[in-house]
Amino acid sequence: MRTVDWILRAEAVAVFVTGVLLYLQLGGEPWWLLLLLLVPDLSMLGYLASPRLGALTYNLVHNLVVGLAALAVGWFAAIAPLAIAGAVLVAHVGMDRSLGYGLKLPTDFKDTHLGRIGR
């Protein structure tokens, strides 16, 4: 693994840990976190229609912009469930990136911005 890959993985772990800590700080139940971390992967259902639609639905959910926006709006508007959902999404993105899963390209599920999965 290249040095830059280690740096990207370390950043992703930091994002994951930050999301988890925010989730807990916002009053999220620890036992629910394990299940909630899997919910964003429902966006993969788009792949049942086509790789292009699957990449679109996956990428709409698996990015920090959406998670951080939900977290910020929930935080500043005092909407705890929205802030918690944002924290979960941030943690999920960090978890995925730390495992080498990136944003999907429209060619194939295994083609990501981080390279091909399983290579």
N, C-alpha and C. Protein backbone atom coordinates (compact mmCIF):
# COMPACT_ATOMS: atom_id res chain seq x y z
N MET A 1 0.83 -1.17 0.00
CA MET A 1 0.00 0.00 0.00
C MET A 1 0.89 1.25 0.00
N ARG A 2 0.52 2.23 -0.83
CA ARG A 2 1.29 3.46 -0.89
C ARG A 2 1.07 4.31 0.36
N THR A 3 2.00 5.20 0.64
CA THR A 3 1.89 6.08 1.80
C THR A 3 0.60 6.89 1.76
N VAL A 4 0.27 7.41 0.58
CA VAL A 4 -0.95 8.20 0.46
C VAL A 4 -2.19 7.37 0.80
N ASP A 5 -2.18 6.09 0.49
CA ASP A 5 -3.30 5.21 0.84
C ASP A 5 -3.45 5.10 2.35
N TRP A 6 -2.34 5.00 3.05
CA TRP A 6 -2.38 4.93 4.52
C TRP A 6 -2.93 6.23 5.11
N ILE A 7 -2.52 7.35 4.52
CA ILE A 7 -3.02 8.64 4.99
C ILE A 7 -4.53 8.74 4.78
N LEU A 8 -4.99 8.34 3.60
CA LEU A 8 -6.43 8.38 3.33
C LEU A 8 -7.21 7.46 4.26
N ARG A 9 -6.67 6.30 4.54
CA ARG A 9 -7.34 5.37 5.47
C ARG A 9 -7.37 5.94 6.88
N ALA A 10 -6.25 6.57 7.30
CA ALA A 10 -6.20 7.17 8.64
C ALA A 10 -7.22 8.30 8.76
N GLU A 11 -7.33 9.11 7.71
CA GLU A 11 -8.35 10.17 7.71
C GLU A 11 -9.75 9.58 7.81
N ALA A 12 -9.99 8.53 7.09
CA ALA A 12 -11.30 7.89 7.10
C ALA A 12 -11.63 7.33 8.47
N VAL A 13 -10.65 6.74 9.14
CA VAL A 13 -10.87 6.24 10.50
C VAL A 13 -11.20 7.41 11.43
N ALA A 14 -10.52 8.54 11.25
CA ALA A 14 -10.80 9.72 12.07
C ALA A 14 -12.22 10.22 11.83
N VAL A 15 -12.68 10.19 10.58
CA VAL A 15 -14.05 10.60 10.26
C VAL A 15 -15.04 9.63 10.91
N PHE A 16 -14.76 8.34 10.83
CA PHE A 16 -15.62 7.34 11.47
C PHE A 16 -15.73 7.58 12.97
N VAL A 17 -14.60 7.73 13.62
CA VAL A 17 -14.59 7.93 15.08
C VAL A 17 -15.33 9.22 15.45
N THR A 18 -15.12 10.27 14.68
CA THR A 18 -15.81 11.53 14.94
C THR A 18 -17.32 11.36 14.80
N GLY A 19 -17.77 10.66 13.76
CA GLY A 19 -19.19 10.41 13.59
C GLY A 19 -19.78 9.63 14.75
N VAL A 20 -19.07 8.60 15.20
CA VAL A 20 -19.54 7.79 16.32
C VAL A 20 -19.62 8.64 17.59
N LEU A 21 -18.57 9.42 17.85
CA LEU A 21 -18.57 10.26 19.06
C LEU A 21 -19.69 11.30 19.02
N LEU A 22 -19.93 11.89 17.86
CA LEU A 22 -21.03 12.85 17.73
C LEU A 22 -22.38 12.15 17.96
N TYR A 23 -22.53 10.96 17.40
CA TYR A 23 -23.75 10.18 17.60
C TYR A 23 -24.01 9.97 19.09
N LEU A 24 -22.99 9.56 19.80
CA LEU A 24 -23.14 9.30 21.24
C LEU A 24 -23.37 10.60 22.01
N GLN A 25 -22.66 11.66 21.64
CA GLN A 25 -22.81 12.96 22.30
C GLN A 25 -24.22 13.52 22.11
N LEU A 26 -24.81 13.25 20.96
CA LEU A 26 -26.16 13.72 20.66
C LEU A 26 -27.25 12.87 21.32
N GLY A 27 -26.84 11.85 22.04
CA GLY A 27 -27.80 11.03 22.78
C GLY A 27 -28.26 9.79 22.05
N GLY A 28 -27.55 9.42 20.97
CA GLY A 28 -27.91 8.20 20.25
C GLY A 28 -27.64 6.97 21.11
N GLU A 29 -28.51 6.00 20.99
CA GLU A 29 -28.36 4.75 21.75
C GLU A 29 -27.22 3.92 21.17
N PRO A 30 -26.25 3.51 21.99
CA PRO A 30 -25.12 2.72 21.49
C PRO A 30 -25.54 1.44 20.78
N TRP A 31 -26.58 0.76 21.29
CA TRP A 31 -26.99 -0.51 20.70
C TRP A 31 -27.58 -0.32 19.31
N TRP A 32 -28.20 0.82 19.06
CA TRP A 32 -28.79 1.09 17.75
C TRP A 32 -27.74 1.41 16.70
N LEU A 33 -26.59 1.90 17.14
CA LEU A 33 -25.57 2.35 16.20
C LEU A 33 -25.13 1.24 15.25
N LEU A 34 -24.97 0.04 15.74
CA LEU A 34 -24.55 -1.07 14.88
C LEU A 34 -25.52 -1.28 13.72
N LEU A 35 -26.80 -1.22 14.01
CA LEU A 35 -27.81 -1.39 12.96
C LEU A 35 -27.87 -0.16 12.06
N LEU A 36 -27.85 1.02 12.67
CA LEU A 36 -27.97 2.26 11.89
C LEU A 36 -26.80 2.45 10.93
N LEU A 37 -25.63 1.94 11.28
CA LEU A 37 -24.48 2.06 10.39
C LEU A 37 -24.67 1.31 9.07
N LEU A 38 -25.60 0.37 9.04
CA LEU A 38 -25.85 -0.40 7.83
C LEU A 38 -26.94 0.21 6.94
N VAL A 39 -27.76 1.09 7.50
CA VAL A 39 -28.89 1.66 6.77
C VAL A 39 -28.47 2.37 5.47
N PRO A 40 -27.38 3.17 5.47
CA PRO A 40 -27.02 3.84 4.21
C PRO A 40 -26.73 2.87 3.06
N ASP A 41 -26.40 1.64 3.36
CA ASP A 41 -26.13 0.68 2.29
C ASP A 41 -27.38 0.26 1.53
N LEU A 42 -28.56 0.63 2.03
CA LEU A 42 -29.78 0.38 1.27
C LEU A 42 -29.76 1.14 -0.06
N SER A 43 -28.93 2.16 -0.13
CA SER A 43 -28.82 2.93 -1.39
C SER A 43 -28.25 2.08 -2.52
N MET A 44 -27.68 0.93 -2.20
CA MET A 44 -27.17 0.02 -3.23
C MET A 44 -28.29 -0.64 -4.03
N LEU A 45 -29.50 -0.52 -3.56
CA LEU A 45 -30.63 -1.15 -4.26
C LEU A 45 -30.78 -0.61 -5.68
N GLY A 46 -30.26 0.58 -5.93
CA GLY A 46 -30.31 1.13 -7.28
C GLY A 46 -29.60 0.25 -8.29
N TYR A 47 -28.65 -0.55 -7.81
CA TYR A 47 -27.93 -1.45 -8.71
C TYR A 47 -28.83 -2.55 -9.27
N LEU A 48 -29.97 -2.77 -8.66
CA LEU A 48 -30.91 -3.75 -9.21
C LEU A 48 -31.45 -3.29 -10.57
N ALA A 49 -31.49 -1.97 -10.77
CA ALA A 49 -31.97 -1.43 -12.04
C ALA A 49 -30.84 -1.32 -13.06
N SER A 50 -29.71 -0.75 -12.64
CA SER A 50 -28.58 -0.60 -13.56
C SER A 50 -27.37 -0.07 -12.79
N PRO A 51 -26.16 -0.31 -13.32
CA PRO A 51 -24.97 0.24 -12.67
C PRO A 51 -24.99 1.77 -12.60
N ARG A 52 -25.53 2.41 -13.62
CA ARG A 52 -25.58 3.88 -13.63
C ARG A 52 -26.49 4.40 -12.51
N LEU A 53 -27.69 3.84 -12.39
CA LEU A 53 -28.62 4.26 -11.34
C LEU A 53 -28.06 3.87 -9.97
N GLY A 54 -27.46 2.70 -9.88
CA GLY A 54 -26.87 2.27 -8.62
C GLY A 54 -25.78 3.20 -8.15
N ALA A 55 -24.91 3.62 -9.07
CA ALA A 55 -23.84 4.55 -8.72
C ALA A 55 -24.43 5.88 -8.25
N LEU A 56 -25.47 6.34 -8.93
CA LEU A 56 -26.11 7.60 -8.55
C LEU A 56 -26.71 7.53 -7.16
N THR A 57 -27.52 6.50 -6.88
CA THR A 57 -28.16 6.39 -5.57
C THR A 57 -27.12 6.17 -4.47
N TYR A 58 -26.13 5.36 -4.76
CA TYR A 58 -25.07 5.09 -3.78
C TYR A 58 -24.32 6.38 -3.45
N ASN A 59 -23.92 7.12 -4.49
CA ASN A 59 -23.12 8.32 -4.30
C ASN A 59 -23.90 9.46 -3.65
N LEU A 60 -25.22 9.50 -3.87
CA LEU A 60 -26.04 10.51 -3.21
C LEU A 60 -26.02 10.34 -1.70
N VAL A 61 -25.92 9.12 -1.25
CA VAL A 61 -25.94 8.83 0.18
C VAL A 61 -24.53 8.77 0.77
N HIS A 62 -23.59 8.22 0.04
CA HIS A 62 -22.25 7.96 0.57
C HIS A 62 -21.26 9.09 0.32
N ASN A 63 -21.63 10.28 0.75
CA ASN A 63 -20.69 11.39 0.66
C ASN A 63 -20.80 12.25 1.92
N LEU A 64 -19.74 12.92 2.24
CA LEU A 64 -19.72 13.70 3.47
C LEU A 64 -20.59 14.94 3.40
N VAL A 65 -20.84 15.46 2.22
CA VAL A 65 -21.66 16.66 2.10
C VAL A 65 -23.05 16.44 2.70
N VAL A 66 -23.69 15.35 2.33
CA VAL A 66 -25.04 15.07 2.82
C VAL A 66 -25.01 14.84 4.34
N GLY A 67 -24.07 14.04 4.81
CA GLY A 67 -23.98 13.76 6.24
C GLY A 67 -23.70 15.01 7.06
N LEU A 68 -22.74 15.80 6.61
CA LEU A 68 -22.40 17.03 7.35
C LEU A 68 -23.52 18.05 7.28
N ALA A 69 -24.22 18.13 6.14
CA ALA A 69 -25.35 19.05 6.03
C ALA A 69 -26.48 18.66 6.98
N ALA A 70 -26.79 17.36 7.03
CA ALA A 70 -27.83 16.89 7.95
C ALA A 70 -27.43 17.15 9.39
N LEU A 71 -26.18 16.88 9.70
CA LEU A 71 -25.68 17.12 11.05
C LEU A 71 -25.77 18.59 11.41
N ALA A 72 -25.35 19.47 10.52
CA ALA A 72 -25.36 20.91 10.80
C ALA A 72 -26.79 21.45 10.94
N VAL A 73 -27.66 21.09 10.00
CA VAL A 73 -29.05 21.57 10.08
C VAL A 73 -29.71 21.04 11.35
N GLY A 74 -29.52 19.76 11.63
CA GLY A 74 -30.09 19.18 12.84
C GLY A 74 -29.56 19.84 14.10
N TRP A 75 -28.28 20.14 14.11
CA TRP A 75 -27.64 20.76 15.27
C TRP A 75 -28.18 22.17 15.49
N PHE A 76 -28.12 23.00 14.45
CA PHE A 76 -28.49 24.40 14.60
C PHE A 76 -29.99 24.62 14.71
N ALA A 77 -30.78 23.73 14.15
CA ALA A 77 -32.24 23.85 14.25
C ALA A 77 -32.78 23.05 15.43
N ALA A 78 -31.88 22.45 16.19
CA ALA A 78 -32.26 21.64 17.36
C ALA A 78 -33.23 20.52 16.99
N ILE A 79 -32.91 19.84 15.89
CA ILE A 79 -33.69 18.67 15.46
C ILE A 79 -32.80 17.46 15.70
N ALA A 80 -32.87 16.92 16.90
CA ALA A 80 -31.96 15.85 17.32
C ALA A 80 -31.95 14.65 16.37
N PRO A 81 -33.10 14.14 15.92
CA PRO A 81 -33.05 12.98 15.02
C PRO A 81 -32.29 13.26 13.73
N LEU A 82 -32.40 14.47 13.20
CA LEU A 82 -31.68 14.82 11.97
C LEU A 82 -30.18 14.91 12.24
N ALA A 83 -29.81 15.51 13.36
CA ALA A 83 -28.39 15.58 13.73
C ALA A 83 -27.82 14.19 13.94
N ILE A 84 -28.57 13.33 14.59
CA ILE A 84 -28.12 11.95 14.82
C ILE A 84 -27.98 11.21 13.50
N ALA A 85 -28.94 11.39 12.59
CA ALA A 85 -28.85 10.76 11.27
C ALA A 85 -27.60 11.25 10.53
N GLY A 86 -27.31 12.53 10.63
CA GLY A 86 -26.11 13.08 10.01
C GLY A 86 -24.84 12.47 10.59
N ALA A 87 -24.81 12.33 11.91
CA ALA A 87 -23.65 11.72 12.56
C ALA A 87 -23.46 10.27 12.12
N VAL A 88 -24.56 9.55 11.99
CA VAL A 88 -24.50 8.16 11.52
C VAL A 88 -23.96 8.11 10.10
N LEU A 89 -24.44 9.01 9.26
CA LEU A 89 -23.99 9.02 7.87
C LEU A 89 -22.51 9.37 7.77
N VAL A 90 -22.06 10.34 8.57
CA VAL A 90 -20.64 10.68 8.60
C VAL A 90 -19.82 9.46 9.04
N ALA A 91 -20.27 8.79 10.09
CA ALA A 91 -19.56 7.60 10.57
C ALA A 91 -19.55 6.52 9.50
N HIS A 92 -20.66 6.33 8.82
CA HIS A 92 -20.74 5.30 7.78
C HIS A 92 -19.76 5.58 6.64
N VAL A 93 -19.73 6.83 6.19
CA VAL A 93 -18.80 7.20 5.12
C VAL A 93 -17.36 6.94 5.55
N GLY A 94 -17.03 7.34 6.78
CA GLY A 94 -15.69 7.09 7.30
C GLY A 94 -15.38 5.60 7.37
N MET A 95 -16.35 4.82 7.81
CA MET A 95 -16.17 3.37 7.89
C MET A 95 -15.91 2.78 6.51
N ASP A 96 -16.75 3.16 5.55
CA ASP A 96 -16.58 2.64 4.19
C ASP A 96 -15.23 3.02 3.60
N ARG A 97 -14.86 4.28 3.72
CA ARG A 97 -13.59 4.73 3.15
C ARG A 97 -12.41 4.04 3.82
N SER A 98 -12.51 3.81 5.12
CA SER A 98 -11.40 3.14 5.81
C SER A 98 -11.24 1.69 5.35
N LEU A 99 -12.31 1.12 4.84
CA LEU A 99 -12.27 -0.25 4.30
C LEU A 99 -11.95 -0.28 2.82
N GLY A 100 -11.76 0.89 2.22
CA GLY A 100 -11.39 0.96 0.81
C GLY A 100 -12.55 1.11 -0.15
N TYR A 101 -13.76 1.35 0.36
CA TYR A 101 -14.92 1.55 -0.50
C TYR A 101 -15.07 3.04 -0.79
N GLY A 102 -15.07 3.39 -2.05
CA GLY A 102 -15.19 4.78 -2.42
C GLY A 102 -16.48 5.05 -3.15
N LEU A 103 -16.61 6.28 -3.63
CA LEU A 103 -17.75 6.64 -4.46
C LEU A 103 -17.71 5.81 -5.73
N LYS A 104 -18.86 5.42 -6.19
CA LYS A 104 -18.95 4.48 -7.32
C LYS A 104 -18.90 5.19 -8.67
N LEU A 105 -18.26 4.56 -9.61
CA LEU A 105 -18.28 5.00 -10.99
C LEU A 105 -19.44 4.29 -11.68
N PRO A 106 -20.00 4.86 -12.73
CA PRO A 106 -21.19 4.26 -13.35
C PRO A 106 -20.92 2.99 -14.16
N THR A 107 -19.68 2.56 -14.23
CA THR A 107 -19.34 1.39 -15.04
C THR A 107 -19.64 0.07 -14.34
N ASP A 108 -19.32 -0.01 -13.05
CA ASP A 108 -19.47 -1.27 -12.31
C ASP A 108 -19.41 -0.97 -10.82
N PHE A 109 -20.07 -1.78 -10.01
CA PHE A 109 -20.08 -1.58 -8.56
C PHE A 109 -18.66 -1.57 -7.99
N LYS A 110 -17.78 -2.35 -8.55
CA LYS A 110 -16.42 -2.45 -8.03
C LYS A 110 -15.51 -1.31 -8.45
N ASP A 111 -15.95 -0.45 -9.36
CA ASP A 111 -15.16 0.68 -9.80
C ASP A 111 -15.45 1.90 -8.93
N THR A 112 -14.46 2.36 -8.17
CA THR A 112 -14.65 3.48 -7.28
C THR A 112 -13.58 4.55 -7.50
N HIS A 113 -13.79 5.70 -6.88
CA HIS A 113 -12.81 6.77 -6.99
C HIS A 113 -11.49 6.42 -6.29
N LEU A 114 -11.51 5.40 -5.47
CA LEU A 114 -10.29 4.93 -4.79
C LEU A 114 -9.60 3.81 -5.56
N GLY A 115 -10.18 3.41 -6.68
CA GLY A 115 -9.66 2.28 -7.44
C GLY A 115 -10.66 1.15 -7.46
N ARG A 116 -10.29 0.06 -8.06
CA ARG A 116 -11.18 -1.10 -8.17
C ARG A 116 -11.16 -1.88 -6.86
N ILE A 117 -12.34 -2.22 -6.35
CA ILE A 117 -12.46 -3.01 -5.13
C ILE A 117 -11.92 -4.41 -5.40
N GLY A 118 -11.14 -4.91 -4.46
CA GLY A 118 -10.61 -6.26 -4.57
C GLY A 118 -9.33 -6.36 -5.35
N ARG A 119 -8.77 -5.23 -5.70
CA ARG A 119 -7.53 -5.24 -6.47
C ARG A 119 -6.35 -5.14 -5.55
